[in-house]
Amino acid sequence: IGVNCPTGAGSCVTTLTFTIANNGQENAGPFTVRVIADPAASQIENVNVTGLNAGATKTLTVNFPPNGNCFDPDCSVVVIVDVSNNIVESDEGNNQLTDLIIG
C-alpha cells in the first residue's frame, strides 16, 4: 500500500496492490473483486476480472481517489473476491481477506 500526495493535503491518492489466486481445479469465468478501505469503510473500488485459470494468480492494483486517505492513523483494507457470487466454488469461505496496515 502506498500514499502519494502530489500537492499536499487533500490530494492524497492511496494505491493498493494485491494478488488473488484460483486454488481450484477449474478455470473461473468473469467475476468482480471489491476493495474496501478506511476511513469508515467509505472508500470502495470494484475491479472486473475477465477470468482466472485453475492454479493461476493475478496481481491487481486499485487507486483510491484524493480526500480518501486510508490512514487514520492506521489503514484497514478488505478484499472480497467474487463479490457477486458468480463463480460456483468448492470453498466459498476463502474469498475475503481483511488486513490492518499500521500507519
C-alpha atoms as a PDB file:
ATOM      1  CA  ILE A   1       0.000   0.000   0.000  1.00  0.00           C
ATOM      2  CA  GLY A   2       1.240   3.461  -0.752  1.00  0.00           C
ATOM      3  CA  VAL A   3       0.095   7.053  -0.441  1.00  0.00           C
ATOM      4  CA  ASN A   4       1.102   9.869  -2.763  1.00  0.00           C
ATOM      5  CA  CYS A   5       0.158  13.493  -2.028  1.00  0.00           C
ATOM      6  CA  PRO A   6       1.498  15.426  -5.038  1.00  0.00           C
ATOM      7  CA  THR A   7       0.245  18.836  -3.913  1.00  0.00           C
ATOM      8  CA  GLY A   8      -0.158  18.295  -0.165  1.00  0.00           C
ATOM      9  CA  ALA A   9      -3.201  17.618   1.984  1.00  0.00           C
ATOM     10  CA  GLY A  10      -6.374  16.892   0.028  1.00  0.00           C
ATOM     11  CA  SER A  11      -4.504  15.490  -2.976  1.00  0.00           C
ATOM     12  CA  CYS A  12      -3.541  12.136  -1.452  1.00  0.00           C
ATOM     13  CA  VAL A  13      -4.142   9.026  -3.559  1.00  0.00           C
ATOM     14  CA  THR A  14      -3.893   5.661  -1.802  1.00  0.00           C
ATOM     15  CA  THR A  15      -2.683   2.792  -4.011  1.00  0.00           C
ATOM     16  CA  LEU A  16      -3.178  -0.839  -3.016  1.00  0.00           C
ATOM     17  CA  THR A  17      -1.609  -3.765  -4.898  1.00  0.00           C
ATOM     18  CA  PHE A  18      -2.677  -7.321  -4.059  1.00  0.00           C
ATOM     19  CA  THR A  19      -2.685 -10.803  -5.567  1.00  0.00           C
ATOM     20  CA  ILE A  20      -5.666 -13.136  -5.973  1.00  0.00           C
ATOM     21  CA  ALA A  21      -5.464 -16.863  -6.731  1.00  0.00           C
ATOM     22  CA  ASN A  22      -7.651 -19.587  -8.183  1.00  0.00           C
ATOM     23  CA  ASN A  23      -6.880 -22.512  -5.876  1.00  0.00           C
ATOM     24  CA  GLY A  24      -9.417 -24.724  -7.614  1.00  0.00           C
ATOM     25  CA  GLN A  25      -9.086 -27.264 -10.416  1.00  0.00           C
ATOM     26  CA  GLU A  26     -11.432 -25.440 -12.810  1.00  0.00           C
ATOM     27  CA  ASN A  27     -10.994 -22.185 -14.700  1.00  0.00           C
ATOM     28  CA  ALA A  28     -13.074 -19.298 -13.348  1.00  0.00           C
ATOM     29  CA  GLY A  29     -15.095 -17.078 -15.657  1.00  0.00           C
ATOM     30  CA  PRO A  30     -15.658 -13.342 -15.138  1.00  0.00           C
ATOM     31  CA  PHE A  31     -16.057 -12.008 -11.610  1.00  0.00           C
ATOM     32  CA  THR A  32     -15.692  -8.799  -9.595  1.00  0.00           C
ATOM     33  CA  VAL A  33     -13.232  -8.066  -6.799  1.00  0.00           C
ATOM     34  CA  ARG A  34     -14.327  -5.433  -4.270  1.00  0.00           C
ATOM     35  CA  VAL A  35     -11.770  -3.497  -2.233  1.00  0.00           C
ATOM     36  CA  ILE A  36     -12.920  -1.504   0.795  1.00  0.00           C
ATOM     37  CA  ALA A  37     -10.677   0.806   2.789  1.00  0.00           C
ATOM     38  CA  ASP A  38     -10.848   3.237   5.692  1.00  0.00           C
ATOM     39  CA  PRO A  39     -11.895   5.718   6.810  1.00  0.00           C
ATOM     40  CA  ALA A  40     -15.148   4.168   7.990  1.00  0.00           C
ATOM     41  CA  ALA A  41     -15.106   1.761   5.019  1.00  0.00           C
ATOM     42  CA  SER A  42     -16.124   4.680   2.820  1.00  0.00           C
ATOM     43  CA  GLN A  43     -13.589   4.012   0.075  1.00  0.00           C
ATOM     44  CA  ILE A  44     -14.904   1.276  -2.254  1.00  0.00           C
ATOM     45  CA  GLU A  45     -13.425   0.233  -5.583  1.00  0.00           C
ATOM     46  CA  ASN A  46     -14.582  -2.649  -7.801  1.00  0.00           C
ATOM     47  CA  VAL A  47     -12.263  -4.432 -10.233  1.00  0.00           C
ATOM     48  CA  ASN A  48     -13.742  -6.585 -13.006  1.00  0.00           C
ATOM     49  CA  VAL A  49     -11.667  -9.681 -13.773  1.00  0.00           C
ATOM     50  CA  THR A  50     -12.286 -11.434 -17.102  1.00  0.00           C
ATOM     51  CA  GLY A  51     -11.393 -14.837 -15.659  1.00  0.00           C
ATOM     52  CA  LEU A  52      -8.673 -16.779 -13.867  1.00  0.00           C
ATOM     53  CA  ASN A  53      -7.325 -20.159 -14.895  1.00  0.00           C
ATOM     54  CA  ALA A  54      -7.095 -23.037 -12.425  1.00  0.00           C
ATOM     55  CA  GLY A  55      -3.974 -22.667 -10.279  1.00  0.00           C
ATOM     56  CA  ALA A  56      -3.246 -19.170 -11.618  1.00  0.00           C
ATOM     57  CA  THR A  57      -2.675 -15.918  -9.755  1.00  0.00           C
ATOM     58  CA  LYS A  58      -3.303 -12.331 -10.792  1.00  0.00           C
ATOM     59  CA  THR A  59      -1.917  -9.139  -9.295  1.00  0.00           C
ATOM     60  CA  LEU A  60      -4.316  -6.185  -9.233  1.00  0.00           C
ATOM     61  CA  THR A  61      -3.918  -2.534  -8.279  1.00  0.00           C
ATOM     62  CA  VAL A  62      -6.595  -0.094  -7.137  1.00  0.00           C
ATOM     63  CA  ASN A  63      -6.264   3.637  -6.571  1.00  0.00           C
ATOM     64  CA  PHE A  64      -8.454   5.374  -4.031  1.00  0.00           C
ATOM     65  CA  PRO A  65      -9.127   8.995  -5.038  1.00  0.00           C
ATOM     66  CA  PRO A  66      -7.994  12.125  -3.217  1.00  0.00           C
ATOM     67  CA  ASN A  67      -9.624  13.002   0.103  1.00  0.00           C
ATOM     68  CA  GLY A  68      -9.900   9.286   0.861  1.00  0.00           C
ATOM     69  CA  ASN A  69      -6.615   8.786   2.660  1.00  0.00           C
ATOM     70  CA  CYS A  70      -6.913   5.368   4.252  1.00  0.00           C
ATOM     71  CA  PHE A  71      -4.631   6.107   7.189  1.00  0.00           C
ATOM     72  CA  ASP A  72      -6.406   7.479  10.272  1.00  0.00           C
ATOM     73  CA  PRO A  73      -3.751   6.677  11.677  1.00  0.00           C
ATOM     74  CA  ASP A  74      -3.919   3.002  10.555  1.00  0.00           C
ATOM     75  CA  CYS A  75      -5.441   1.638   7.347  1.00  0.00           C
ATOM     76  CA  SER A  76      -7.951  -1.211   7.371  1.00  0.00           C
ATOM     77  CA  VAL A  77      -8.448  -2.922   3.996  1.00  0.00           C
ATOM     78  CA  VAL A  78     -10.929  -5.630   2.975  1.00  0.00           C
ATOM     79  CA  VAL A  79     -10.582  -7.521  -0.331  1.00  0.00           C
ATOM     80  CA  ILE A  80     -13.552  -9.645  -1.442  1.00  0.00           C
ATOM     81  CA  VAL A  81     -13.144 -11.891  -4.488  1.00  0.00           C
ATOM     82  CA  ASP A  82     -16.274 -12.777  -6.488  1.00  0.00           C
ATOM     83  CA  VAL A  83     -18.341 -10.301  -4.504  1.00  0.00           C
ATOM     84  CA  SER A  84     -21.493 -11.133  -6.537  1.00  0.00           C
ATOM     85  CA  ASN A  85     -21.054 -14.920  -6.138  1.00  0.00           C
ATOM     86  CA  ASN A  86     -20.923 -15.511  -9.901  1.00  0.00           C
ATOM     87  CA  ILE A  87     -18.483 -18.427  -9.601  1.00  0.00           C
ATOM     88  CA  VAL A  88     -19.565 -21.804  -8.215  1.00  0.00           C
ATOM     89  CA  GLU A  89     -16.830 -22.821  -5.780  1.00  0.00           C
ATOM     90  CA  SER A  90     -15.963 -25.740  -3.549  1.00  0.00           C
ATOM     91  CA  ASP A  91     -14.799 -23.305  -0.819  1.00  0.00           C
ATOM     92  CA  GLU A  92     -16.732 -20.039  -0.569  1.00  0.00           C
ATOM     93  CA  GLY A  93     -15.041 -19.283   2.760  1.00  0.00           C
ATOM     94  CA  ASN A  94     -11.703 -18.158   1.321  1.00  0.00           C
ATOM     95  CA  ASN A  95     -12.903 -15.206  -0.759  1.00  0.00           C
ATOM     96  CA  GLN A  96     -12.282 -12.428   1.750  1.00  0.00           C
ATOM     97  CA  LEU A  97      -9.193 -11.037   3.449  1.00  0.00           C
ATOM     98  CA  THR A  98      -9.034  -8.202   5.968  1.00  0.00           C
ATOM     99  CA  ASP A  99      -5.731  -6.572   6.819  1.00  0.00           C
ATOM    100  CA  LEU A 100      -4.673  -3.716   9.070  1.00  0.00           C
ATOM    101  CA  ILE A 101      -1.683  -1.697   7.901  1.00  0.00           C
ATOM    102  CA  ILE A 102      -0.132   0.251  10.754  1.00  0.00           C
ATOM    103  CA  GLY A 103       0.296   3.937   9.890  1.00  0.00           C
END
